[in-house]
């Protein structure tokens, strides 16, 4: 009974959790489940993002992994006794990683992912419209990576992050009254 009470309390707390931000750490279901502790682990093709040197410890000749998440954000603002709510579209951060063996001790990989991205739409008729009516942020990254195992338990990896994006910020005019 004690365990059931603890589980029910944890589920109740988790269902009421709220946060706001633009970084989307949804690189894979495996990483999300482990709380993004994969930096020190050998994760196959996902190592391109978290630990490039670990690619050489991959036990396959080639590996491809990917994930897509759906994030729905909702924000409320309480101001002078009134409540203002956002009307946001669903954001879909995604990633795809591939890694392959070139030689027994030399691997390559590439990853395409969205490290940041979200949108918020307050509309035109709220008191903060002069500061923010809507924001739409999209960032994309391609990361080619090489990994070399120097000795059986030591490897190094290096990669290049190529990032581009777009931000659209809309504000209302400041009234003169």
N, C-alpha and C. Protein backbone atom coordinates (compact mmCIF):
# COMPACT_ATOMS: atom_id res chain seq x y z
N UNK A 1 0.82 -1.20 0.00
CA UNK A 1 0.00 0.00 0.00
C UNK A 1 0.87 1.27 0.00
N UNK A 2 1.98 1.18 0.74
CA UNK A 2 2.89 2.33 0.81
C UNK A 2 3.45 2.66 -0.58
N UNK A 3 3.83 1.62 -1.34
CA UNK A 3 4.37 1.83 -2.68
C UNK A 3 3.33 2.45 -3.61
N UNK A 4 2.09 2.00 -3.50
CA UNK A 4 1.02 2.53 -4.32
C UNK A 4 0.78 4.01 -4.02
N UNK A 5 0.85 4.39 -2.76
CA UNK A 5 0.69 5.79 -2.37
C UNK A 5 1.83 6.65 -2.93
N UNK A 6 3.05 6.14 -2.86
CA UNK A 6 4.20 6.87 -3.39
C UNK A 6 4.09 7.04 -4.90
N UNK A 7 3.73 5.98 -5.61
CA UNK A 7 3.57 6.05 -7.07
C UNK A 7 2.46 7.04 -7.43
N UNK A 8 1.33 7.00 -6.72
CA UNK A 8 0.23 7.93 -7.00
C UNK A 8 0.66 9.38 -6.75
N UNK A 9 1.41 9.62 -5.68
CA UNK A 9 1.89 10.97 -5.39
C UNK A 9 2.86 11.44 -6.47
N UNK A 10 3.76 10.57 -6.92
CA UNK A 10 4.71 10.95 -7.96
C UNK A 10 4.00 11.25 -9.27
N UNK A 11 3.00 10.46 -9.63
CA UNK A 11 2.23 10.72 -10.85
C UNK A 11 1.47 12.03 -10.75
N UNK A 12 0.92 12.33 -9.59
CA UNK A 12 0.21 13.59 -9.40
C UNK A 12 1.13 14.79 -9.53
N UNK A 13 2.32 14.69 -8.96
CA UNK A 13 3.29 15.78 -9.05
C UNK A 13 3.77 15.95 -10.49
N UNK A 14 4.04 14.84 -11.17
CA UNK A 14 4.53 14.91 -12.56
C UNK A 14 3.48 15.49 -13.50
N UNK A 15 2.21 15.18 -13.27
CA UNK A 15 1.17 15.69 -14.17
C UNK A 15 0.96 17.18 -14.02
N UNK A 16 1.36 17.76 -12.90
CA UNK A 16 1.20 19.19 -12.68
C UNK A 16 2.47 19.98 -12.99
N UNK A 17 3.53 19.31 -13.42
CA UNK A 17 4.80 19.98 -13.69
C UNK A 17 4.69 20.88 -14.91
N UNK A 18 5.26 22.06 -14.81
CA UNK A 18 5.27 23.01 -15.92
C UNK A 18 6.64 23.63 -16.04
N UNK A 19 7.02 23.98 -17.27
CA UNK A 19 8.29 24.64 -17.51
C UNK A 19 8.18 25.42 -18.81
N UNK A 20 9.09 26.36 -19.00
CA UNK A 20 9.10 27.11 -20.25
C UNK A 20 10.54 27.27 -20.69
N UNK A 21 10.78 27.15 -21.97
CA UNK A 21 12.12 27.30 -22.49
C UNK A 21 12.19 26.92 -23.94
N UNK A 22 13.37 27.08 -24.54
CA UNK A 22 13.52 26.82 -25.96
C UNK A 22 14.45 25.68 -26.27
N UNK A 23 15.22 25.19 -25.29
CA UNK A 23 16.09 24.05 -25.57
C UNK A 23 15.26 22.77 -25.50
N UNK A 24 15.40 21.93 -26.49
CA UNK A 24 14.63 20.69 -26.54
C UNK A 24 15.59 19.51 -26.51
N UNK A 25 15.78 18.96 -25.34
CA UNK A 25 16.71 17.83 -25.16
C UNK A 25 15.98 16.51 -25.41
N UNK A 26 15.61 16.28 -26.64
CA UNK A 26 14.90 15.04 -26.99
C UNK A 26 15.69 14.31 -28.06
N UNK A 27 16.95 13.99 -27.79
CA UNK A 27 17.79 13.36 -28.78
C UNK A 27 17.42 11.90 -29.03
N UNK A 28 16.88 11.21 -28.05
CA UNK A 28 16.43 9.84 -28.24
C UNK A 28 15.66 9.40 -27.01
N UNK A 29 14.82 8.38 -27.19
CA UNK A 29 14.06 7.85 -26.06
C UNK A 29 15.00 7.25 -25.02
N UNK A 30 16.08 6.64 -25.48
CA UNK A 30 17.06 6.05 -24.57
C UNK A 30 17.69 7.13 -23.70
N UNK A 31 18.09 8.25 -24.32
CA UNK A 31 18.70 9.34 -23.57
C UNK A 31 17.71 10.01 -22.61
N UNK A 32 16.49 10.22 -23.07
CA UNK A 32 15.49 10.83 -22.18
C UNK A 32 15.23 9.95 -20.98
N UNK A 33 15.14 8.64 -21.20
CA UNK A 33 14.90 7.71 -20.10
C UNK A 33 16.04 7.67 -19.09
N UNK A 34 17.26 7.95 -19.55
CA UNK A 34 18.42 7.95 -18.65
C UNK A 34 18.76 9.34 -18.14
N UNK A 35 17.94 10.35 -18.46
CA UNK A 35 18.22 11.70 -17.97
C UNK A 35 19.43 12.33 -18.62
N UNK A 36 19.75 11.97 -19.85
CA UNK A 36 20.87 12.53 -20.61
C UNK A 36 22.23 12.31 -19.93
N UNK A 37 22.42 11.11 -19.40
CA UNK A 37 23.72 10.79 -18.79
C UNK A 37 24.61 10.02 -19.77
N UNK A 38 24.26 10.03 -21.05
CA UNK A 38 24.97 9.25 -22.05
C UNK A 38 26.34 9.73 -22.43
N UNK A 39 26.80 10.82 -21.85
CA UNK A 39 28.12 11.34 -22.20
C UNK A 39 29.21 10.32 -21.88
N UNK A 40 29.08 9.60 -20.82
CA UNK A 40 30.11 8.64 -20.42
C UNK A 40 29.82 7.22 -20.87
N UNK A 41 28.87 7.06 -21.80
CA UNK A 41 28.47 5.71 -22.20
C UNK A 41 28.75 5.46 -23.69
N UNK A 42 28.75 4.19 -24.05
CA UNK A 42 28.90 3.80 -25.45
C UNK A 42 27.51 3.54 -26.00
N UNK A 43 26.98 4.47 -26.80
CA UNK A 43 25.59 4.39 -27.24
C UNK A 43 25.43 4.14 -28.73
N UNK A 44 26.43 3.72 -29.41
CA UNK A 44 26.32 3.49 -30.85
C UNK A 44 26.25 4.81 -31.61
N UNK A 45 25.35 4.90 -32.57
CA UNK A 45 25.30 6.10 -33.43
C UNK A 45 24.93 7.36 -32.66
N UNK A 46 24.25 7.25 -31.53
CA UNK A 46 23.93 8.43 -30.72
C UNK A 46 25.16 9.06 -30.08
N UNK A 47 26.27 8.33 -30.08
CA UNK A 47 27.52 8.88 -29.53
C UNK A 47 28.03 10.07 -30.34
N UNK A 48 27.58 10.22 -31.58
CA UNK A 48 27.97 11.38 -32.39
C UNK A 48 27.67 12.65 -31.61
N UNK A 49 26.53 12.72 -30.95
CA UNK A 49 26.12 13.91 -30.21
C UNK A 49 26.75 13.95 -28.83
N UNK A 50 26.72 12.84 -28.10
CA UNK A 50 27.06 12.85 -26.69
C UNK A 50 28.51 12.54 -26.37
N UNK A 51 29.15 11.67 -27.15
CA UNK A 51 30.52 11.26 -26.84
C UNK A 51 31.18 10.73 -28.12
N UNK A 52 31.70 11.61 -28.99
CA UNK A 52 32.23 11.18 -30.29
C UNK A 52 33.32 10.12 -30.20
N UNK A 53 34.12 10.14 -29.16
CA UNK A 53 35.17 9.14 -29.02
C UNK A 53 34.63 7.73 -28.83
N UNK A 54 33.42 7.60 -28.35
CA UNK A 54 32.83 6.28 -28.08
C UNK A 54 32.34 5.58 -29.34
N UNK A 55 32.32 6.26 -30.47
CA UNK A 55 31.88 5.61 -31.72
C UNK A 55 32.69 4.36 -32.02
N UNK A 56 33.99 4.37 -31.72
CA UNK A 56 34.85 3.23 -32.05
C UNK A 56 34.55 2.00 -31.21
N UNK A 57 33.76 2.14 -30.16
CA UNK A 57 33.38 1.00 -29.33
C UNK A 57 32.04 0.41 -29.77
N UNK A 58 31.50 0.92 -30.87
CA UNK A 58 30.25 0.40 -31.40
C UNK A 58 30.47 -1.04 -31.87
N UNK A 59 29.54 -1.94 -31.55
CA UNK A 59 29.72 -3.35 -31.91
C UNK A 59 29.11 -3.72 -33.26
N UNK A 60 28.64 -2.75 -34.01
CA UNK A 60 28.04 -3.01 -35.32
C UNK A 60 28.87 -2.33 -36.41
N UNK A 61 28.72 -2.80 -37.64
CA UNK A 61 29.40 -2.17 -38.76
C UNK A 61 28.73 -0.84 -39.12
N UNK A 62 27.40 -0.80 -38.98
CA UNK A 62 26.66 0.42 -39.26
C UNK A 62 25.43 0.46 -38.37
N UNK A 63 25.08 1.67 -37.91
CA UNK A 63 23.90 1.82 -37.07
C UNK A 63 23.23 3.14 -37.38
N UNK A 64 21.90 3.12 -37.44
CA UNK A 64 21.10 4.32 -37.66
C UNK A 64 20.05 4.38 -36.57
N UNK A 65 19.89 5.55 -35.97
CA UNK A 65 18.84 5.73 -34.97
C UNK A 65 18.19 7.08 -35.17
N UNK A 66 16.97 7.21 -34.75
CA UNK A 66 16.26 8.47 -34.90
C UNK A 66 15.10 8.56 -33.93
N UNK A 67 14.61 9.78 -33.77
CA UNK A 67 13.48 10.01 -32.87
C UNK A 67 12.78 11.31 -33.26
N UNK A 68 11.49 11.35 -33.00
CA UNK A 68 10.69 12.56 -33.18
C UNK A 68 9.82 12.68 -31.93
N UNK A 69 9.74 13.87 -31.39
CA UNK A 69 8.89 14.12 -30.22
C UNK A 69 7.86 15.18 -30.58
N UNK A 70 6.77 15.18 -29.86
CA UNK A 70 5.75 16.23 -30.02
C UNK A 70 5.64 16.97 -28.70
N UNK A 71 5.88 18.27 -28.75
CA UNK A 71 5.82 19.09 -27.54
C UNK A 71 4.72 20.12 -27.70
N UNK A 72 3.80 20.10 -26.77
CA UNK A 72 2.71 21.06 -26.77
C UNK A 72 2.87 21.96 -25.55
N UNK A 73 3.11 23.23 -25.78
CA UNK A 73 3.32 24.14 -24.65
C UNK A 73 2.07 24.97 -24.41
N UNK A 74 1.86 25.32 -23.16
CA UNK A 74 0.72 26.12 -22.76
C UNK A 74 1.19 27.07 -21.66
N UNK A 75 0.95 28.36 -21.83
CA UNK A 75 1.41 29.35 -20.87
C UNK A 75 0.23 30.23 -20.48
N UNK A 76 0.10 30.51 -19.19
CA UNK A 76 -0.91 31.43 -18.67
C UNK A 76 -0.24 32.64 -18.06
N UNK A 77 -0.88 33.79 -18.17
CA UNK A 77 -0.40 35.02 -17.53
C UNK A 77 -1.56 35.61 -16.74
N UNK A 78 -1.33 35.85 -15.47
CA UNK A 78 -2.33 36.49 -14.62
C UNK A 78 -1.91 37.93 -14.42
N UNK A 79 -2.75 38.87 -14.86
CA UNK A 79 -2.40 40.29 -14.79
C UNK A 79 -3.66 41.10 -14.48
N UNK A 80 -3.63 41.88 -13.43
CA UNK A 80 -4.75 42.73 -13.01
C UNK A 80 -6.07 41.98 -12.93
N UNK A 81 -6.05 40.80 -12.38
CA UNK A 81 -7.27 40.01 -12.20
C UNK A 81 -7.75 39.28 -13.44
N UNK A 82 -7.06 39.39 -14.55
CA UNK A 82 -7.45 38.69 -15.78
C UNK A 82 -6.42 37.62 -16.13
N UNK A 83 -6.87 36.59 -16.81
CA UNK A 83 -6.00 35.52 -17.25
C UNK A 83 -5.85 35.58 -18.76
N UNK A 84 -4.61 35.52 -19.23
CA UNK A 84 -4.30 35.52 -20.66
C UNK A 84 -3.58 34.21 -20.96
N UNK A 85 -3.99 33.54 -22.04
CA UNK A 85 -3.43 32.23 -22.40
C UNK A 85 -2.83 32.27 -23.80
N UNK A 86 -1.86 31.41 -24.00
CA UNK A 86 -1.24 31.29 -25.32
C UNK A 86 -2.02 30.30 -26.17
N UNK A 87 -1.87 30.45 -27.46
CA UNK A 87 -2.42 29.50 -28.43
C UNK A 87 -1.24 29.04 -29.28
N UNK A 88 -0.63 27.94 -28.90
CA UNK A 88 0.62 27.49 -29.51
C UNK A 88 0.41 26.27 -30.38
N UNK A 89 1.17 26.19 -31.46
CA UNK A 89 1.17 24.98 -32.27
C UNK A 89 2.13 23.97 -31.66
N UNK A 90 1.98 22.74 -32.05
CA UNK A 90 2.83 21.66 -31.54
C UNK A 90 4.20 21.75 -32.20
N UNK A 91 5.25 21.69 -31.39
CA UNK A 91 6.63 21.67 -31.89
C UNK A 91 7.06 20.21 -32.03
N UNK A 92 7.86 19.93 -33.05
CA UNK A 92 8.29 18.54 -33.29
C UNK A 92 9.80 18.44 -33.42
N UNK A 93 10.52 18.51 -32.30
CA UNK A 93 11.97 18.30 -32.38
C UNK A 93 12.28 16.88 -32.85
N UNK A 94 13.34 16.75 -33.63
CA UNK A 94 13.69 15.45 -34.18
C UNK A 94 15.19 15.29 -34.29
N UNK A 95 15.61 14.05 -34.49
CA UNK A 95 17.03 13.77 -34.75
C UNK A 95 17.16 12.47 -35.50
N UNK A 96 18.23 12.38 -36.23
CA UNK A 96 18.61 11.13 -36.88
C UNK A 96 20.14 11.05 -36.84
N UNK A 97 20.64 9.91 -36.43
CA UNK A 97 22.09 9.70 -36.33
C UNK A 97 22.47 8.42 -37.06
N UNK A 98 23.61 8.46 -37.72
CA UNK A 98 24.14 7.28 -38.40
C UNK A 98 25.64 7.20 -38.13
N UNK A 99 26.13 5.99 -37.94
CA UNK A 99 27.56 5.77 -37.73
C UNK A 99 27.96 4.48 -38.42
N UNK A 100 29.19 4.44 -38.91
CA UNK A 100 29.66 3.27 -39.64
C UNK A 100 31.16 3.10 -39.46
N UNK A 101 31.59 1.84 -39.63
CA UNK A 101 33.00 1.48 -39.49
C UNK A 101 33.72 1.74 -40.81
N UNK A 102 34.86 2.41 -40.74
CA UNK A 102 35.72 2.59 -41.91
C UNK A 102 36.84 1.56 -41.84
N UNK A 103 37.52 1.46 -40.69
CA UNK A 103 38.51 0.43 -40.38
C UNK A 103 38.16 -0.13 -39.01
N UNK A 104 38.87 -1.13 -38.56
CA UNK A 104 38.56 -1.72 -37.25
C UNK A 104 38.66 -0.71 -36.11
N UNK A 105 39.54 0.27 -36.24
CA UNK A 105 39.71 1.24 -35.17
C UNK A 105 39.36 2.68 -35.59
N UNK A 106 38.64 2.82 -36.69
CA UNK A 106 38.30 4.16 -37.19
C UNK A 106 36.85 4.17 -37.67
N UNK A 107 36.04 5.05 -37.08
CA UNK A 107 34.62 5.14 -37.39
C UNK A 107 34.26 6.57 -37.80
N UNK A 108 33.17 6.69 -38.51
CA UNK A 108 32.63 8.00 -38.88
C UNK A 108 31.14 8.01 -38.55
N UNK A 109 30.62 9.19 -38.36
CA UNK A 109 29.20 9.32 -38.09
C UNK A 109 28.70 10.70 -38.48
N UNK A 110 27.41 10.81 -38.60
CA UNK A 110 26.78 12.09 -38.88
C UNK A 110 25.44 12.12 -38.17
N UNK A 111 25.07 13.29 -37.70
CA UNK A 111 23.81 13.45 -36.99
C UNK A 111 23.13 14.73 -37.47
N UNK A 112 21.82 14.68 -37.61
CA UNK A 112 21.02 15.85 -37.93
C UNK A 112 19.98 15.98 -36.83
N UNK A 113 19.92 17.14 -36.17
CA UNK A 113 19.00 17.30 -35.05
C UNK A 113 18.59 18.75 -34.86
N UNK A 114 17.59 18.93 -34.02
CA UNK A 114 17.09 20.27 -33.69
C UNK A 114 17.33 20.51 -32.20
N UNK A 115 18.42 21.21 -31.84
CA UNK A 115 18.73 21.41 -30.43
C UNK A 115 17.84 22.46 -29.75
N UNK A 116 17.33 23.41 -30.50
CA UNK A 116 16.48 24.46 -29.96
C UNK A 116 15.30 24.66 -30.91
N UNK A 117 14.16 24.98 -30.35
CA UNK A 117 13.01 25.27 -31.18
C UNK A 117 11.73 25.24 -30.39
N UNK A 118 10.90 26.20 -30.63
CA UNK A 118 9.60 26.26 -29.99
C UNK A 118 8.85 27.44 -30.57
N UNK A 119 7.62 27.56 -30.17
CA UNK A 119 6.84 28.73 -30.60
C UNK A 119 5.88 29.10 -29.49
N UNK A 120 5.52 30.35 -29.47
CA UNK A 120 4.55 30.84 -28.50
C UNK A 120 3.74 31.93 -29.20
N UNK A 121 2.45 31.95 -28.96
CA UNK A 121 1.57 32.94 -29.57
C UNK A 121 0.61 33.48 -28.51
N UNK A 122 0.84 34.73 -28.11
CA UNK A 122 -0.02 35.37 -27.12
C UNK A 122 -1.22 36.06 -27.76
N UNK A 123 -1.18 36.28 -29.04
CA UNK A 123 -2.25 37.03 -29.69
C UNK A 123 -1.99 38.53 -29.61
N UNK A 124 -2.91 39.32 -30.14
CA UNK A 124 -2.71 40.77 -30.22
C UNK A 124 -3.31 41.54 -29.06
N UNK A 125 -4.25 40.94 -28.35
CA UNK A 125 -5.00 41.71 -27.35
C UNK A 125 -4.69 41.27 -25.92
N UNK A 126 -3.47 41.41 -25.55
CA UNK A 126 -3.11 41.18 -24.15
C UNK A 126 -2.18 42.30 -23.72
N UNK A 127 -2.09 42.61 -22.43
CA UNK A 127 -1.33 43.78 -21.97
C UNK A 127 0.15 43.77 -22.32
N UNK A 128 0.74 42.61 -22.53
CA UNK A 128 2.17 42.53 -22.86
C UNK A 128 2.45 42.51 -24.35
N UNK A 129 1.47 42.86 -25.18
CA UNK A 129 1.63 42.78 -26.64
C UNK A 129 2.77 43.65 -27.16
N UNK A 130 3.09 44.74 -26.46
CA UNK A 130 4.20 45.60 -26.89
C UNK A 130 5.55 44.90 -26.65
N UNK A 131 5.58 43.90 -25.78
CA UNK A 131 6.80 43.16 -25.51
C UNK A 131 6.89 41.89 -26.37
N UNK A 132 5.75 41.21 -26.52
CA UNK A 132 5.77 39.95 -27.25
C UNK A 132 4.35 39.56 -27.65
N UNK A 133 4.12 39.37 -28.94
CA UNK A 133 2.87 38.79 -29.40
C UNK A 133 3.09 37.33 -29.81
N UNK A 134 4.19 37.07 -30.50
CA UNK A 134 4.51 35.69 -30.87
C UNK A 134 5.99 35.54 -31.16
N UNK A 135 6.48 34.33 -30.95
CA UNK A 135 7.87 33.97 -31.24
C UNK A 135 7.85 32.59 -31.88
N UNK A 136 8.63 32.43 -32.95
CA UNK A 136 8.78 31.13 -33.61
C UNK A 136 10.27 30.93 -33.83
N UNK A 137 10.86 29.94 -33.15
CA UNK A 137 12.29 29.69 -33.20
C UNK A 137 12.54 28.29 -33.75
N UNK A 138 13.38 28.20 -34.78
CA UNK A 138 13.76 26.91 -35.37
C UNK A 138 15.27 26.90 -35.58
N UNK A 139 15.94 25.90 -35.02
CA UNK A 139 17.38 25.74 -35.16
C UNK A 139 17.65 24.32 -35.63
N UNK A 140 18.54 24.15 -36.61
CA UNK A 140 18.90 22.84 -37.14
C UNK A 140 20.42 22.68 -37.09
N UNK A 141 20.89 21.48 -36.80
CA UNK A 141 22.32 21.21 -36.72
C UNK A 141 22.65 19.91 -37.46
N UNK A 142 23.73 19.95 -38.25
CA UNK A 142 24.32 18.77 -38.85
C UNK A 142 25.70 18.61 -38.22
N UNK A 143 26.01 17.40 -37.77
CA UNK A 143 27.27 17.19 -37.07
C UNK A 143 27.99 15.97 -37.62
N UNK A 144 28.92 16.16 -38.59
CA UNK A 144 29.77 15.05 -39.02
C UNK A 144 30.89 14.82 -38.00
N UNK A 145 31.22 13.56 -37.76
CA UNK A 145 32.15 13.22 -36.68
C UNK A 145 33.05 12.06 -37.10
N UNK A 146 34.31 12.10 -36.64
CA UNK A 146 35.26 11.01 -36.83
C UNK A 146 35.73 10.53 -35.47
N UNK A 147 35.99 9.23 -35.35
CA UNK A 147 36.42 8.66 -34.08
C UNK A 147 37.51 7.63 -34.34
N UNK A 148 38.57 7.70 -33.54
CA UNK A 148 39.73 6.82 -33.72
C UNK A 148 40.07 6.16 -32.39
N UNK A 149 40.15 4.82 -32.38
CA UNK A 149 40.54 4.08 -31.18
C UNK A 149 42.05 3.88 -31.24
N UNK A 150 42.76 4.57 -30.37
CA UNK A 150 44.22 4.57 -30.36
C UNK A 150 44.76 3.24 -29.82
N UNK A 151 44.26 2.85 -28.66
CA UNK A 151 44.58 1.55 -28.05
C UNK A 151 43.25 0.93 -27.63
N UNK A 152 43.20 -0.34 -27.23
CA UNK A 152 41.92 -0.99 -26.99
C UNK A 152 40.94 -0.26 -26.07
N UNK A 153 41.41 0.50 -25.10
CA UNK A 153 40.48 1.18 -24.19
C UNK A 153 40.60 2.70 -24.22
N UNK A 154 41.19 3.25 -25.28
CA UNK A 154 41.34 4.70 -25.38
C UNK A 154 41.01 5.14 -26.81
N UNK A 155 40.11 6.08 -26.92
CA UNK A 155 39.75 6.60 -28.24
C UNK A 155 39.54 8.11 -28.15
N UNK A 156 39.60 8.75 -29.30
CA UNK A 156 39.34 10.18 -29.40
C UNK A 156 38.36 10.40 -30.55
N UNK A 157 37.60 11.46 -30.43
CA UNK A 157 36.65 11.79 -31.48
C UNK A 157 36.59 13.29 -31.67
N UNK A 158 36.29 13.70 -32.87
CA UNK A 158 36.16 15.13 -33.17
C UNK A 158 35.07 15.30 -34.23
N UNK A 159 34.37 16.38 -34.11
CA UNK A 159 33.31 16.65 -35.07
C UNK A 159 33.14 18.15 -35.29
N UNK A 160 32.35 18.45 -36.27
CA UNK A 160 32.07 19.83 -36.64
C UNK A 160 30.57 20.03 -36.54
N UNK A 161 30.15 21.07 -35.83
CA UNK A 161 28.72 21.37 -35.73
C UNK A 161 28.38 22.50 -36.69
N UNK A 162 27.52 22.21 -37.64
CA UNK A 162 27.07 23.21 -38.61
C UNK A 162 25.61 23.52 -38.26
N UNK A 163 25.36 24.75 -37.84
CA UNK A 163 24.04 25.11 -37.32
C UNK A 163 23.49 26.30 -38.07
N UNK A 164 22.21 26.25 -38.37
CA UNK A 164 21.50 27.38 -38.97
C UNK A 164 20.10 27.41 -38.38
N UNK A 165 19.45 28.56 -38.51
CA UNK A 165 18.12 28.65 -37.94
C UNK A 165 17.38 29.90 -38.36
N UNK A 166 16.23 30.07 -37.74
CA UNK A 166 15.35 31.18 -38.04
C UNK A 166 14.58 31.55 -36.78
N UNK A 167 14.46 32.83 -36.54
CA UNK A 167 13.63 33.30 -35.43
C UNK A 167 12.71 34.40 -35.95
N UNK A 168 11.46 34.31 -35.58
CA UNK A 168 10.46 35.30 -35.98
C UNK A 168 9.82 35.83 -34.70
N UNK A 169 10.09 37.09 -34.39
CA UNK A 169 9.59 37.74 -33.18
C UNK A 169 8.63 38.85 -33.57
N UNK A 170 7.43 38.80 -33.10
CA UNK A 170 6.42 39.83 -33.39
C UNK A 170 6.02 40.55 -32.12
N UNK A 171 6.03 41.88 -32.19
CA UNK A 171 5.64 42.73 -31.07
C UNK A 171 4.57 43.69 -31.56
N UNK A 172 3.78 44.18 -30.61
CA UNK A 172 2.79 45.18 -30.95
C UNK A 172 3.37 46.57 -30.80
N UNK A 173 2.69 47.58 -31.33
CA UNK A 173 3.10 48.96 -31.18
C UNK A 173 2.79 49.45 -29.78
N UNK A 174 3.64 50.32 -29.26
CA UNK A 174 3.43 50.91 -27.95
C UNK A 174 2.40 52.02 -28.09
N UNK A 175 1.36 51.96 -27.27
CA UNK A 175 0.33 53.00 -27.36
C UNK A 175 0.80 54.27 -26.67
N UNK A 176 0.30 55.40 -27.14
CA UNK A 176 0.72 56.69 -26.60
C UNK A 176 -0.15 57.19 -25.47
N UNK A 177 -1.03 56.36 -24.90
CA UNK A 177 -1.92 56.85 -23.85
C UNK A 177 -1.35 56.72 -22.48
